[in-house]
Each structure stands twice: as C-alpha cells, then as structure tokens.
Amino acid sequence: TTTHTHQTNTHHHQQQQPHRHRQQQQQQQPNNNNNSNNMSEKEGGENEHTIDLDSMSLEQLSQLRQQEEGRLQAITGRYAQLRAAAARYRASHTAVSELLPSFDGKDVMVPLSESLYVPGKIRDPNQMLVEVGTGFFVEKTSKDALSFLERKLKLVDANSENVMKVVGMTKQNMESITIAMQGKLLQIRARQEGMKTQASIPE
C-alpha cells in the first residue's frame, strides 16, 4: 500500500543580530557640537553602543561603510529566505486544508524533491507525515498539521519583522557614515584651499 505523505519543510531562523565593528566602540559623551555624527548599534539586542564617527579618519569611515554594506546584503538575503519559507508554509497549509475524506484512494503525484515526483494514492486523508526538521518526520492528523504550520508561520513572520528592523537600523548607519565622509572631504578641501591661499600670499 502506498501512503501519500504531505511534506512541510521546517526552517529554524534566528534573528540577525548586529555584529561588533572592528573599530573601537565608545559610549557617546556629552558634546555641545550639534553637528556631531554618531552611529548607534545594539549588541545582542540589549546594550546599545555609539560610535563617534567624527573621530574616525576618512579611510576608517570607508571601511566601516563597506562593513555595513556587507551586513545589509546578508540581512536582505536572510529576509528573502524567511519570506520564501513563509510562502512554502502557506502553500502547505492550503494543501492540507483542502484534503477531504472523499479523497481517500485518489491518485496523486508524491514529491520526493522539488523536481522529482512519483505516482501514489491517498490513504486516510486525515493522517500525514510532517517534516519537523533535520530530516525527521512525525505522523500527525490534518488538524495537528495545520496547527503546526500556523505556529511556524507566526514564527517566520515575527522573525521577518525583526530582520526588517535591523535592515532599517543598518540603512540609518550607512546614511550617518555617508554624512560623516562628506564632512571629512569638505574639511580636507578646505585645508587644501587654505594652503594654496597661504602659498600665493607674497612675503
């Protein structure tokens, strides 16, 4: 007897946490300069640290921006994976909810992989094997399978929201770094212009 197995993939996603920059991180000190540029980040989602961008050289700022760009790319990829997982869970939820008792004995194509299917028959639409992770399968009723999928969907959606918060913070950091770099360039040009002016003044 061939038993139809409806498989659902389980993905365990952890919230992407901001990493520690190689540059020394300093707590923001009181400063009367309103134009001071600072970049905040959180470690482990708990303690917030502030990097004084004005104290960094142009080369250090450039390296820091490259790190933030790499982090943004990695986080964006993580978000795409989460949304793909959510789509699979929703598709599985729809497939399980559409299984009716009258489907018993019907011919189906059973997926062995994303591109390989074999013919089979549905035996007892109320019983199915659900992949719970790392290649392990557990037999569940359709009601329990739906509850399992709903829990996974909530988890993925919550993680997606957390990742988007990190994306927003990273973009803000990149904007702060860009502003600081522009300020450094203006300072360098001003010094160069001042040196030219002094050199052109006759003694």
C-alpha atoms as a PDB file:
ATOM      1  CA  THR A   1       0.000   0.000   0.000  1.00  0.00           C
ATOM      2  CA  THR A   2       1.336   3.419  -0.954  1.00  0.00           C
ATOM      3  CA  THR A   3       0.609   6.135   1.537  1.00  0.00           C
ATOM      4  CA  HIS A   4       0.515   9.728   0.435  1.00  0.00           C
ATOM      5  CA  THR A   5       2.813  11.868   2.517  1.00  0.00           C
ATOM      6  CA  HIS A   6       2.400  15.585   2.585  1.00  0.00           C
ATOM      7  CA  GLN A   7       5.743  17.143   3.468  1.00  0.00           C
ATOM      8  CA  THR A   8       6.287  20.511   5.016  1.00  0.00           C
ATOM      9  CA  ASN A   9       9.750  21.978   5.406  1.00  0.00           C
ATOM     10  CA  THR A  10      10.722  23.400   8.761  1.00  0.00           C
ATOM     11  CA  HIS A  11      13.238  26.175   8.918  1.00  0.00           C
ATOM     12  CA  HIS A  12      14.671  27.492  12.165  1.00  0.00           C
ATOM     13  CA  HIS A  13      15.570  31.131  11.743  1.00  0.00           C
ATOM     14  CA  GLN A  14      17.349  33.224  14.272  1.00  0.00           C
ATOM     15  CA  GLN A  15      17.094  36.942  14.393  1.00  0.00           C
ATOM     16  CA  GLN A  16      20.035  38.538  12.628  1.00  0.00           C
ATOM     17  CA  GLN A  17      21.840  40.481  15.280  1.00  0.00           C
ATOM     18  CA  PRO A  18      24.124  43.442  14.553  1.00  0.00           C
ATOM     19  CA  HIS A  19      27.770  42.483  14.831  1.00  0.00           C
ATOM     20  CA  ARG A  20      30.558  44.304  16.675  1.00  0.00           C
ATOM     21  CA  HIS A  21      32.599  46.591  14.471  1.00  0.00           C
ATOM     22  CA  ARG A  22      36.327  46.165  14.476  1.00  0.00           C
ATOM     23  CA  GLN A  23      36.763  49.827  15.303  1.00  0.00           C
ATOM     24  CA  GLN A  24      36.729  50.671  18.997  1.00  0.00           C
ATOM     25  CA  GLN A  25      33.225  51.495  20.182  1.00  0.00           C
ATOM     26  CA  GLN A  26      32.789  54.357  22.628  1.00  0.00           C
ATOM     27  CA  GLN A  27      29.811  55.454  24.695  1.00  0.00           C
ATOM     28  CA  GLN A  28      28.584  58.804  23.426  1.00  0.00           C
ATOM     29  CA  GLN A  29      29.927  61.614  25.594  1.00  0.00           C
ATOM     30  CA  PRO A  30      28.101  64.903  26.170  1.00  0.00           C
ATOM     31  CA  ASN A  31      29.018  67.230  23.335  1.00  0.00           C
ATOM     32  CA  ASN A  32      27.993  70.782  22.660  1.00  0.00           C
ATOM     33  CA  ASN A  33      28.606  70.326  18.945  1.00  0.00           C
ATOM     34  CA  ASN A  34      25.182  69.788  17.396  1.00  0.00           C
ATOM     35  CA  ASN A  35      26.748  68.713  14.104  1.00  0.00           C
ATOM     36  CA  SER A  36      28.454  65.686  15.645  1.00  0.00           C
ATOM     37  CA  ASN A  37      27.839  62.463  13.723  1.00  0.00           C
ATOM     38  CA  ASN A  38      27.268  59.298  15.717  1.00  0.00           C
ATOM     39  CA  MET A  39      26.239  55.794  14.723  1.00  0.00           C
ATOM     40  CA  SER A  40      24.351  53.600  17.172  1.00  0.00           C
ATOM     41  CA  GLU A  41      24.201  49.840  17.187  1.00  0.00           C
ATOM     42  CA  LYS A  42      22.949  47.170  19.553  1.00  0.00           C
ATOM     43  CA  GLU A  43      24.840  44.070  20.579  1.00  0.00           C
ATOM     44  CA  GLY A  44      22.704  41.017  21.262  1.00  0.00           C
ATOM     45  CA  GLY A  45      19.607  43.194  21.012  1.00  0.00           C
ATOM     46  CA  GLU A  46      20.309  44.558  24.501  1.00  0.00           C
ATOM     47  CA  ASN A  47      23.139  47.030  25.077  1.00  0.00           C
ATOM     48  CA  GLU A  48      23.314  49.980  22.737  1.00  0.00           C
ATOM     49  CA  HIS A  49      26.733  51.342  21.816  1.00  0.00           C
ATOM     50  CA  THR A  50      27.603  54.502  19.973  1.00  0.00           C
ATOM     51  CA  ILE A  51      30.477  55.028  17.554  1.00  0.00           C
ATOM     52  CA  ASP A  52      31.739  58.614  17.271  1.00  0.00           C
ATOM     53  CA  LEU A  53      32.076  58.951  13.514  1.00  0.00           C
ATOM     54  CA  ASP A  54      33.649  62.425  13.730  1.00  0.00           C
ATOM     55  CA  SER A  55      36.678  60.951  15.490  1.00  0.00           C
ATOM     56  CA  MET A  56      37.343  58.494  12.654  1.00  0.00           C
ATOM     57  CA  SER A  57      39.517  59.091   9.616  1.00  0.00           C
ATOM     58  CA  LEU A  58      38.162  59.045   6.087  1.00  0.00           C
ATOM     59  CA  GLU A  59      39.783  55.642   5.496  1.00  0.00           C
ATOM     60  CA  GLN A  60      38.200  54.224   8.654  1.00  0.00           C
ATOM     61  CA  LEU A  61      34.812  55.576   7.624  1.00  0.00           C
ATOM     62  CA  SER A  62      35.178  53.976   4.200  1.00  0.00           C
ATOM     63  CA  GLN A  63      35.998  50.600   5.781  1.00  0.00           C
ATOM     64  CA  LEU A  64      33.072  50.954   8.174  1.00  0.00           C
ATOM     65  CA  ARG A  65      30.703  51.697   5.320  1.00  0.00           C
ATOM     66  CA  GLN A  66      31.903  48.601   3.459  1.00  0.00           C
ATOM     67  CA  GLN A  67      31.183  46.522   6.555  1.00  0.00           C
ATOM     68  CA  GLU A  68      27.686  47.982   6.814  1.00  0.00           C
ATOM     69  CA  GLU A  69      27.062  47.327   3.116  1.00  0.00           C
ATOM     70  CA  GLY A  70      28.103  43.700   3.555  1.00  0.00           C
ATOM     71  CA  ARG A  71      25.882  43.343   6.581  1.00  0.00           C
ATOM     72  CA  LEU A  72      22.933  44.903   4.748  1.00  0.00           C
ATOM     73  CA  GLN A  73      23.394  42.473   1.865  1.00  0.00           C
ATOM     74  CA  ALA A  74      23.491  39.491   4.244  1.00  0.00           C
ATOM     75  CA  ILE A  75      20.424  40.662   6.170  1.00  0.00           C
ATOM     76  CA  THR A  76      18.493  41.283   2.965  1.00  0.00           C
ATOM     77  CA  GLY A  77      19.294  37.741   1.859  1.00  0.00           C
ATOM     78  CA  ARG A  78      18.069  36.418   5.216  1.00  0.00           C
ATOM     79  CA  TYR A  79      14.810  38.312   4.801  1.00  0.00           C
ATOM     80  CA  ALA A  80      14.315  36.795   1.333  1.00  0.00           C
ATOM     81  CA  GLN A  81      14.830  33.318   2.802  1.00  0.00           C
ATOM     82  CA  LEU A  82      12.249  33.993   5.505  1.00  0.00           C
ATOM     83  CA  ARG A  83       9.665  35.170   3.006  1.00  0.00           C
ATOM     84  CA  ALA A  84      10.303  32.115   0.809  1.00  0.00           C
ATOM     85  CA  ALA A  85       9.786  29.875   3.848  1.00  0.00           C
ATOM     86  CA  ALA A  86       6.552  31.691   4.666  1.00  0.00           C
ATOM     87  CA  ALA A  87       5.320  31.104   1.123  1.00  0.00           C
ATOM     88  CA  ARG A  88       6.043  27.368   1.424  1.00  0.00           C
ATOM     89  CA  TYR A  89       4.241  27.154   4.758  1.00  0.00           C
ATOM     90  CA  ARG A  90       1.204  28.915   3.335  1.00  0.00           C
ATOM     91  CA  ALA A  91       1.158  26.611   0.302  1.00  0.00           C
ATOM     92  CA  SER A  92       1.373  23.569   2.592  1.00  0.00           C
ATOM     93  CA  HIS A  93      -1.386  24.968   4.805  1.00  0.00           C
ATOM     94  CA  THR A  94      -3.636  25.388   1.767  1.00  0.00           C
ATOM     95  CA  ALA A  95      -2.884  21.872   0.522  1.00  0.00           C
ATOM     96  CA  VAL A  96      -3.644  20.262   3.897  1.00  0.00           C
ATOM     97  CA  SER A  97      -6.829  22.268   4.421  1.00  0.00           C
ATOM     98  CA  GLU A  98      -8.115  21.140   1.014  1.00  0.00           C
ATOM     99  CA  LEU A  99      -7.720  17.421   1.799  1.00  0.00           C
ATOM    100  CA  LEU A 100     -11.197  15.920   2.204  1.00  0.00           C
ATOM    101  CA  PRO A 101     -12.277  12.457   3.404  1.00  0.00           C
ATOM    102  CA  SER A 102     -13.613  11.815  -0.091  1.00  0.00           C
ATOM    103  CA  PHE A 103     -10.057  11.970  -1.436  1.00  0.00           C
ATOM    104  CA  ASP A 104      -9.283   8.544   0.060  1.00  0.00           C
ATOM    105  CA  GLY A 105      -7.931   6.275  -2.673  1.00  0.00           C
ATOM    106  CA  LYS A 106      -7.374   9.032  -5.209  1.00  0.00           C
ATOM    107  CA  ASP A 107      -4.257   9.056  -7.360  1.00  0.00           C
ATOM    108  CA  VAL A 108      -1.692  11.764  -6.596  1.00  0.00           C
ATOM    109  CA  MET A 109       1.856  12.698  -7.535  1.00  0.00           C
ATOM    110  CA  VAL A 110       4.049  12.492  -4.433  1.00  0.00           C
ATOM    111  CA  PRO A 111       7.008  14.933  -4.354  1.00  0.00           C
ATOM    112  CA  LEU A 112      10.327  13.300  -3.485  1.00  0.00           C
ATOM    113  CA  SER A 113      12.205  16.535  -4.177  1.00  0.00           C
ATOM    114  CA  GLU A 114      11.487  19.923  -5.709  1.00  0.00           C
ATOM    115  CA  SER A 115      11.621  18.463  -9.205  1.00  0.00           C
ATOM    116  CA  LEU A 116      11.010  14.703  -8.737  1.00  0.00           C
ATOM    117  CA  TYR A 117       7.515  13.223  -8.314  1.00  0.00           C
ATOM    118  CA  VAL A 118       6.265   9.650  -8.191  1.00  0.00           C
ATOM    119  CA  PRO A 119       2.688   8.343  -8.522  1.00  0.00           C
ATOM    120  CA  GLY A 120       0.876   7.310  -5.358  1.00  0.00           C
ATOM    121  CA  LYS A 121      -2.527   7.013  -3.732  1.00  0.00           C
ATOM    122  CA  ILE A 122      -4.042   8.856  -0.808  1.00  0.00           C
ATOM    123  CA  ARG A 123      -4.694   6.575   2.164  1.00  0.00           C
ATOM    124  CA  ASP A 124      -6.610   8.162   5.046  1.00  0.00           C
ATOM    125  CA  PRO A 125      -6.515  11.912   4.242  1.00  0.00           C
ATOM    126  CA  ASN A 126      -6.644  12.662   7.969  1.00  0.00           C
ATOM    127  CA  GLN A 127      -3.184  11.157   8.607  1.00  0.00           C
ATOM    128  CA  MET A 128       0.030  12.541   7.159  1.00  0.00           C
ATOM    129  CA  LEU A 129       3.759  12.707   7.737  1.00  0.00           C
ATOM    130  CA  VAL A 130       5.098  16.162   8.589  1.00  0.00           C
ATOM    131  CA  GLU A 131       8.776  17.041   8.399  1.00  0.00           C
ATOM    132  CA  VAL A 132       9.685  18.696  11.697  1.00  0.00           C
ATOM    133  CA  GLY A 133      13.306  19.441  10.815  1.00  0.00           C
ATOM    134  CA  THR A 134      16.689  17.843  10.057  1.00  0.00           C
ATOM    135  CA  GLY A 135      15.025  15.080   8.051  1.00  0.00           C
ATOM    136  CA  PHE A 136      12.735  13.864  10.834  1.00  0.00           C
ATOM    137  CA  PHE A 137       9.075  13.136  10.127  1.00  0.00           C
ATOM    138  CA  VAL A 138       6.206  12.849  12.581  1.00  0.00           C
ATOM    139  CA  GLU A 139       2.782  11.413  11.848  1.00  0.00           C
ATOM    140  CA  LYS A 140       0.068  13.968  12.563  1.00  0.00           C
ATOM    141  CA  THR A 141      -3.625  14.396  11.943  1.00  0.00           C
ATOM    142  CA  SER A 142      -4.636  17.082   9.480  1.00  0.00           C
ATOM    143  CA  LYS A 143      -5.769  19.280  12.384  1.00  0.00           C
ATOM    144  CA  ASP A 144      -2.420  18.938  14.157  1.00  0.00           C
ATOM    145  CA  ALA A 145      -0.558  19.533  10.898  1.00  0.00           C
ATOM    146  CA  LEU A 146      -2.486  22.763  10.323  1.00  0.00           C
ATOM    147  CA  SER A 147      -1.705  23.924  13.865  1.00  0.00           C
ATOM    148  CA  PHE A 148       1.977  23.111  13.312  1.00  0.00           C
ATOM    149  CA  LEU A 149       2.048  25.141  10.092  1.00  0.00           C
ATOM    150  CA  GLU A 150       0.276  28.086  11.714  1.00  0.00           C
ATOM    151  CA  ARG A 151       2.848  28.174  14.522  1.00  0.00           C
ATOM    152  CA  LYS A 152       5.669  28.108  12.013  1.00  0.00           C
ATOM    153  CA  LEU A 153       4.081  30.918  10.015  1.00  0.00           C
ATOM    154  CA  LYS A 154       3.810  33.098  13.114  1.00  0.00           C
ATOM    155  CA  LEU A 155       7.450  32.412  13.955  1.00  0.00           C
ATOM    156  CA  VAL A 156       8.644  33.256  10.452  1.00  0.00           C
ATOM    157  CA  ASP A 157       6.549  36.437  10.320  1.00  0.00           C
ATOM    158  CA  ALA A 158       7.889  37.574  13.713  1.00  0.00           C
ATOM    159  CA  ASN A 159      11.471  36.918  12.622  1.00  0.00           C
ATOM    160  CA  SER A 160      10.826  38.792   9.380  1.00  0.00           C
ATOM    161  CA  GLU A 161       9.723  41.851  11.346  1.00  0.00           C
ATOM    162  CA  ASN A 162      12.850  41.678  13.498  1.00  0.00           C
ATOM    163  CA  VAL A 163      15.071  41.406  10.439  1.00  0.00           C
ATOM    164  CA  MET A 164      13.380  44.436   8.862  1.00  0.00           C
ATOM    165  CA  LYS A 165      14.135  46.461  11.995  1.00  0.00           C
ATOM    166  CA  VAL A 166      17.810  45.546  11.649  1.00  0.00           C
ATOM    167  CA  VAL A 167      17.674  46.486   7.955  1.00  0.00           C
ATOM    168  CA  GLY A 168      16.288  49.900   8.851  1.00  0.00           C
ATOM    169  CA  MET A 169      18.945  50.463  11.512  1.00  0.00           C
ATOM    170  CA  THR A 170      21.716  49.427   9.119  1.00  0.00           C
ATOM    171  CA  LYS A 171      20.466  51.840   6.444  1.00  0.00           C
ATOM    172  CA  GLN A 172      20.439  54.646   9.008  1.00  0.00           C
ATOM    173  CA  ASN A 173      24.004  53.764   9.968  1.00  0.00           C
ATOM    174  CA  MET A 174      25.074  53.928   6.331  1.00  0.00           C
ATOM    175  CA  GLU A 175      23.460  57.344   5.940  1.00  0.00           C
ATOM    176  CA  SER A 176      25.280  58.610   9.048  1.00  0.00           C
ATOM    177  CA  ILE A 177      28.585  57.276   7.702  1.00  0.00           C
ATOM    178  CA  THR A 178      27.989  58.939   4.320  1.00  0.00           C
ATOM    179  CA  ILE A 179      27.304  62.285   6.005  1.00  0.00           C
ATOM    180  CA  ALA A 180      30.459  61.929   8.087  1.00  0.00           C
ATOM    181  CA  MET A 181      32.517  61.084   4.989  1.00  0.00           C
ATOM    182  CA  GLN A 182      31.171  64.127   3.171  1.00  0.00           C
ATOM    183  CA  GLY A 183      32.119  66.297   6.146  1.00  0.00           C
ATOM    184  CA  LYS A 184      35.639  64.861   6.143  1.00  0.00           C
ATOM    185  CA  LEU A 185      36.004  65.574   2.418  1.00  0.00           C
ATOM    186  CA  LEU A 186      34.894  69.174   2.935  1.00  0.00           C
ATOM    187  CA  GLN A 187      37.449  69.580   5.717  1.00  0.00           C
ATOM    188  CA  ILE A 188      40.215  68.187   3.514  1.00  0.00           C
ATOM    189  CA  ARG A 189      39.272  70.500   0.627  1.00  0.00           C
ATOM    190  CA  ALA A 190      39.110  73.478   2.964  1.00  0.00           C
ATOM    191  CA  ARG A 191      42.599  72.747   4.275  1.00  0.00           C
ATOM    192  CA  GLN A 192      43.920  72.347   0.741  1.00  0.00           C
ATOM    193  CA  GLU A 193      42.373  75.652  -0.306  1.00  0.00           C
ATOM    194  CA  GLY A 194      43.836  77.327   2.785  1.00  0.00           C
ATOM    195  CA  MET A 195      47.298  76.018   1.978  1.00  0.00           C
ATOM    196  CA  LYS A 196      47.001  77.289  -1.614  1.00  0.00           C
ATOM    197  CA  THR A 197      45.922  80.705  -0.373  1.00  0.00           C
ATOM    198  CA  GLN A 198      48.856  80.942   2.048  1.00  0.00           C
ATOM    199  CA  ALA A 199      51.280  79.858  -0.663  1.00  0.00           C
ATOM    200  CA  SER A 200      50.040  82.582  -3.034  1.00  0.00           C
ATOM    201  CA  ILE A 201      50.444  85.415  -0.498  1.00  0.00           C
ATOM    202  CA  PRO A 202      53.797  87.175  -1.127  1.00  0.00           C
ATOM    203  CA  GLU A 203      56.056  87.603   1.874  1.00  0.00           C
END
